[in-house]
């Protein structure tokens, strides 16, 4: 703790100058760790991520060798490798990353969906990833948007662009059906319709705040 003889105030942190008059502070008593040491916590998390990466690589190498020795299918270590990689991304992006929770949720969800599509191709591509997994992911994100709007009621209009993106994703799924990639359109149609209804509901019920947000985003 320090004291400013000019302003007659006590300064609890380890500053050398008064925050009011910039005069040199007089040291009074020893102050230690007035605030949490964020750098120490970050270093520990970084070390945990490095240890996880090392163990994941070792586990994948062992699994590849065991698969070759026992003549297992390559699908085993391909899927396990993707799962270990996703775990590493969760640590690096969700825990250590500085992005907002919306961006983290979106990126990790899209990455999970992409890995499921890759797993579908790894097992011979039966179409379940594009017919069911991707539309289900869109519906899951739509449900998450509704929950976030309820929780963050004061700033609900900030999710409009995310709703537009989900509506675009639903439209892409319908386009994939037109090109014959999606063979069962029920889930894709449901995902698109839910996204459209969610967006229209936000704009209509939100009224002026929703329109202002759209104008601000598109610089109209």
Protein backbone atom coordinates (compact mmCIF):
# COMPACT_ATOMS: atom_id res chain seq x y z
CA UNK A 1 0.00 0.00 0.00
CA UNK A 2 1.14 3.54 -0.76
CA UNK A 3 0.00 7.03 0.21
CA UNK A 4 -0.16 10.30 -1.72
CA UNK A 5 0.80 13.18 0.55
CA UNK A 6 -0.72 15.70 -1.87
CA UNK A 7 -4.19 14.14 -2.31
CA UNK A 8 -4.25 12.39 1.07
CA UNK A 9 -5.44 9.09 -0.43
CA UNK A 10 -4.36 5.50 -0.02
CA UNK A 11 -3.44 3.51 -3.16
CA UNK A 12 -3.89 -0.22 -2.70
CA UNK A 13 -2.01 -1.51 -5.74
CA UNK A 14 1.72 -1.27 -6.48
CA UNK A 15 1.59 1.94 -8.51
CA UNK A 16 4.55 4.31 -8.20
CA UNK A 17 2.62 7.53 -8.91
CA UNK A 18 -0.70 8.93 -7.72
CA UNK A 19 -3.51 8.31 -10.24
CA UNK A 20 -4.91 11.79 -9.48
CA UNK A 21 -1.96 14.17 -9.38
CA UNK A 22 0.87 11.93 -10.65
CA UNK A 23 3.00 12.72 -7.61
CA UNK A 24 5.41 10.10 -6.31
CA UNK A 25 3.73 7.84 -3.77
CA UNK A 26 5.09 7.15 -0.33
CA UNK A 27 5.34 3.45 0.36
CA UNK A 28 3.61 2.50 3.62
CA UNK A 29 3.02 -1.24 4.01
CA UNK A 30 3.80 -4.21 1.79
CA UNK A 31 0.96 -5.22 -0.49
CA UNK A 32 1.15 -8.59 -2.15
CA UNK A 33 -1.16 -10.04 -4.81
CA UNK A 34 -3.93 -7.45 -4.57
CA UNK A 35 -5.35 -8.85 -7.82
CA UNK A 36 -5.37 -12.41 -9.19
CA UNK A 37 -2.31 -13.31 -11.22
CA UNK A 38 -3.96 -13.84 -14.61
CA UNK A 39 -0.65 -14.50 -16.34
CA UNK A 40 0.06 -17.46 -14.06
CA UNK A 41 -3.35 -19.00 -14.82
CA UNK A 42 -2.86 -18.50 -18.57
CA UNK A 43 0.57 -20.14 -18.46
CA UNK A 44 -0.92 -23.15 -16.66
CA UNK A 45 -3.66 -23.50 -19.28
CA UNK A 46 -1.13 -23.21 -22.11
CA UNK A 47 0.97 -25.91 -20.47
CA UNK A 48 -2.11 -28.14 -20.14
CA UNK A 49 -2.87 -27.67 -23.85
CA UNK A 50 0.71 -28.62 -24.76
CA UNK A 51 0.60 -31.71 -22.57
CA UNK A 52 -2.73 -32.71 -24.13
CA UNK A 53 -1.31 -32.22 -27.66
CA UNK A 54 1.72 -34.37 -26.83
CA UNK A 55 -0.38 -37.14 -25.28
CA UNK A 56 -2.84 -37.00 -28.19
CA UNK A 57 -0.02 -37.43 -30.73
CA UNK A 58 1.47 -40.30 -28.76
CA UNK A 59 -1.94 -41.99 -28.45
CA UNK A 60 -2.62 -41.60 -32.17
CA UNK A 61 0.80 -43.01 -33.11
CA UNK A 62 0.24 -46.02 -30.85
CA UNK A 63 -3.24 -46.56 -32.25
CA UNK A 64 -1.96 -46.45 -35.84
CA UNK A 65 0.72 -49.03 -35.06
CA UNK A 66 -1.70 -51.30 -33.21
CA UNK A 67 -4.16 -51.02 -36.11
CA UNK A 68 -1.46 -52.02 -38.60
CA UNK A 69 -0.27 -54.93 -36.46
CA UNK A 70 -3.76 -56.29 -35.83
CA UNK A 71 -4.96 -55.47 -39.34
CA UNK A 72 -7.71 -53.17 -38.10
CA UNK A 73 -9.53 -50.84 -40.46
CA UNK A 74 -8.00 -47.42 -40.97
CA UNK A 75 -11.34 -45.95 -39.92
CA UNK A 76 -10.42 -46.61 -36.28
CA UNK A 77 -7.42 -44.30 -36.13
CA UNK A 78 -8.91 -41.77 -38.56
CA UNK A 79 -11.95 -41.19 -36.37
CA UNK A 80 -9.92 -41.24 -33.16
CA UNK A 81 -7.51 -38.71 -34.69
CA UNK A 82 -10.38 -36.38 -35.53
CA UNK A 83 -11.80 -36.72 -32.03
CA UNK A 84 -8.42 -35.94 -30.42
CA UNK A 85 -7.96 -32.98 -32.76
CA UNK A 86 -11.39 -31.63 -31.82
CA UNK A 87 -10.50 -31.91 -28.13
CA UNK A 88 -7.35 -29.89 -28.76
CA UNK A 89 -9.36 -27.22 -30.61
CA UNK A 90 -11.79 -27.02 -27.69
CA UNK A 91 -8.91 -26.33 -25.31
CA UNK A 92 -7.17 -23.81 -27.57
CA UNK A 93 -10.20 -21.97 -28.91
CA UNK A 94 -12.91 -22.31 -26.28
CA UNK A 95 -10.70 -22.01 -23.19
CA UNK A 96 -7.61 -20.09 -24.30
CA UNK A 97 -9.20 -18.13 -27.14
CA UNK A 98 -10.18 -14.50 -26.68
CA UNK A 99 -13.18 -14.50 -29.02
CA UNK A 100 -16.70 -13.99 -27.71
CA UNK A 101 -18.86 -16.92 -26.69
CA UNK A 102 -20.99 -16.56 -29.83
CA UNK A 103 -17.97 -16.92 -32.12
CA UNK A 104 -16.63 -19.83 -30.04
CA UNK A 105 -19.95 -21.65 -30.17
CA UNK A 106 -20.28 -21.13 -33.91
CA UNK A 107 -16.74 -22.19 -34.79
CA UNK A 108 -16.76 -25.29 -32.58
CA UNK A 109 -20.20 -26.35 -33.82
CA UNK A 110 -19.22 -25.92 -37.47
CA UNK A 111 -15.96 -27.79 -36.84
CA UNK A 112 -17.86 -30.65 -35.19
CA UNK A 113 -20.26 -30.86 -38.14
CA UNK A 114 -17.37 -30.83 -40.62
CA UNK A 115 -15.68 -33.66 -38.75
CA UNK A 116 -18.89 -35.71 -38.78
CA UNK A 117 -19.11 -35.22 -42.55
CA UNK A 118 -15.48 -36.35 -42.81
CA UNK A 119 -16.33 -39.40 -40.69
CA UNK A 120 -19.19 -40.21 -43.07
CA UNK A 121 -16.76 -40.15 -45.99
CA UNK A 122 -14.24 -42.22 -44.00
CA UNK A 123 -16.72 -45.07 -43.55
CA UNK A 124 -17.73 -45.07 -47.21
CA UNK A 125 -20.22 -42.17 -47.37
CA UNK A 126 -23.76 -43.29 -46.71
CA UNK A 127 -25.17 -39.75 -46.81
CA UNK A 128 -26.25 -39.57 -43.17
CA UNK A 129 -24.04 -36.55 -42.56
CA UNK A 130 -25.65 -34.28 -45.17
CA UNK A 131 -29.14 -35.73 -44.81
CA UNK A 132 -29.39 -35.59 -41.04
CA UNK A 133 -26.29 -34.27 -39.23
CA UNK A 134 -25.94 -30.90 -41.01
CA UNK A 135 -29.64 -29.98 -40.78
CA UNK A 136 -29.66 -31.08 -37.14
CA UNK A 137 -26.68 -28.78 -36.54
CA UNK A 138 -28.62 -25.85 -38.02
CA UNK A 139 -31.61 -26.64 -35.79
CA UNK A 140 -29.31 -26.93 -32.77
CA UNK A 141 -27.79 -23.52 -33.45
CA UNK A 142 -31.27 -22.03 -33.97
CA UNK A 143 -32.28 -23.38 -30.56
CA UNK A 144 -29.10 -21.91 -29.09
CA UNK A 145 -29.92 -18.52 -30.61
CA UNK A 146 -33.34 -18.55 -28.95
CA UNK A 147 -31.78 -19.43 -25.60
CA UNK A 148 -29.14 -16.70 -25.92
CA UNK A 149 -31.79 -14.12 -26.86
CA UNK A 150 -33.80 -15.06 -23.75
CA UNK A 151 -30.72 -14.88 -21.51
CA UNK A 152 -29.37 -11.69 -23.08
CA UNK A 153 -32.71 -9.90 -23.42
CA UNK A 154 -31.19 -6.42 -23.33
CA UNK A 155 -29.10 -7.10 -26.42
CA UNK A 156 -31.25 -9.64 -28.25
CA UNK A 157 -30.99 -7.79 -31.58
CA UNK A 158 -27.26 -8.61 -31.82
CA UNK A 159 -28.18 -12.17 -32.89
CA UNK A 160 -29.93 -11.11 -36.11
CA UNK A 161 -26.86 -11.63 -38.28
CA UNK A 162 -26.42 -15.11 -36.85
CA UNK A 163 -30.04 -15.84 -37.74
CA UNK A 164 -29.39 -14.64 -41.30
CA UNK A 165 -26.36 -16.93 -41.52
CA UNK A 166 -28.41 -19.91 -40.35
CA UNK A 167 -31.10 -19.09 -42.91
CA UNK A 168 -28.39 -19.02 -45.59
CA UNK A 169 -27.09 -22.41 -44.40
CA UNK A 170 -30.61 -23.82 -44.63
CA UNK A 171 -30.87 -22.49 -48.18
CA UNK A 172 -27.57 -24.18 -49.05
CA UNK A 173 -28.98 -27.49 -47.81
CA UNK A 174 -31.95 -27.12 -50.15
CA UNK A 175 -29.56 -26.33 -53.00
CA UNK A 176 -27.69 -29.55 -52.22
CA UNK A 177 -30.98 -31.39 -52.58
CA UNK A 178 -31.51 -29.85 -56.02
CA UNK A 179 -28.04 -31.06 -57.02
CA UNK A 180 -28.77 -34.56 -55.75
CA UNK A 181 -26.26 -34.49 -52.86
CA UNK A 182 -29.00 -34.47 -50.23
CA UNK A 183 -31.29 -37.42 -50.88
CA UNK A 184 -33.70 -36.99 -47.96
CA UNK A 185 -34.93 -33.37 -47.91
CA UNK A 186 -37.18 -33.54 -44.85
CA UNK A 187 -34.60 -32.42 -42.27
CA UNK A 188 -33.09 -29.83 -44.64
CA UNK A 189 -36.51 -28.33 -45.32
CA UNK A 190 -37.29 -28.27 -41.60
CA UNK A 191 -33.99 -26.53 -40.81
CA UNK A 192 -34.55 -23.89 -43.49
CA UNK A 193 -38.15 -23.21 -42.43
CA UNK A 194 -37.24 -22.93 -38.74
CA UNK A 195 -34.41 -20.49 -39.57
CA UNK A 196 -36.75 -18.35 -41.72
CA UNK A 197 -39.45 -18.32 -39.04
CA UNK A 198 -36.92 -17.38 -36.36
CA UNK A 199 -35.57 -14.50 -38.45
CA UNK A 200 -39.02 -13.20 -39.42
CA UNK A 201 -40.20 -13.45 -35.82
CA UNK A 202 -37.22 -11.43 -34.63
CA UNK A 203 -37.74 -8.72 -37.25
CA UNK A 204 -41.53 -8.48 -36.82
CA UNK A 205 -41.70 -8.72 -33.04
CA UNK A 206 -38.49 -6.74 -32.55
CA UNK A 207 -39.87 -3.82 -34.51
CA UNK A 208 -37.70 -0.73 -34.66
CA UNK A 209 -34.73 -2.17 -32.76
CA UNK A 210 -34.49 -5.04 -35.23
CA UNK A 211 -34.71 -2.71 -38.24
CA UNK A 212 -32.08 -0.40 -36.79
CA UNK A 213 -29.75 -3.36 -36.21
CA UNK A 214 -30.17 -4.52 -39.82
CA UNK A 215 -29.51 -1.01 -41.15
CA UNK A 216 -26.44 -0.70 -38.98
CA UNK A 217 -25.08 -4.06 -40.08
CA UNK A 218 -25.62 -3.46 -43.78
CA UNK A 219 -24.76 0.27 -43.62
CA UNK A 220 -28.08 1.26 -45.18
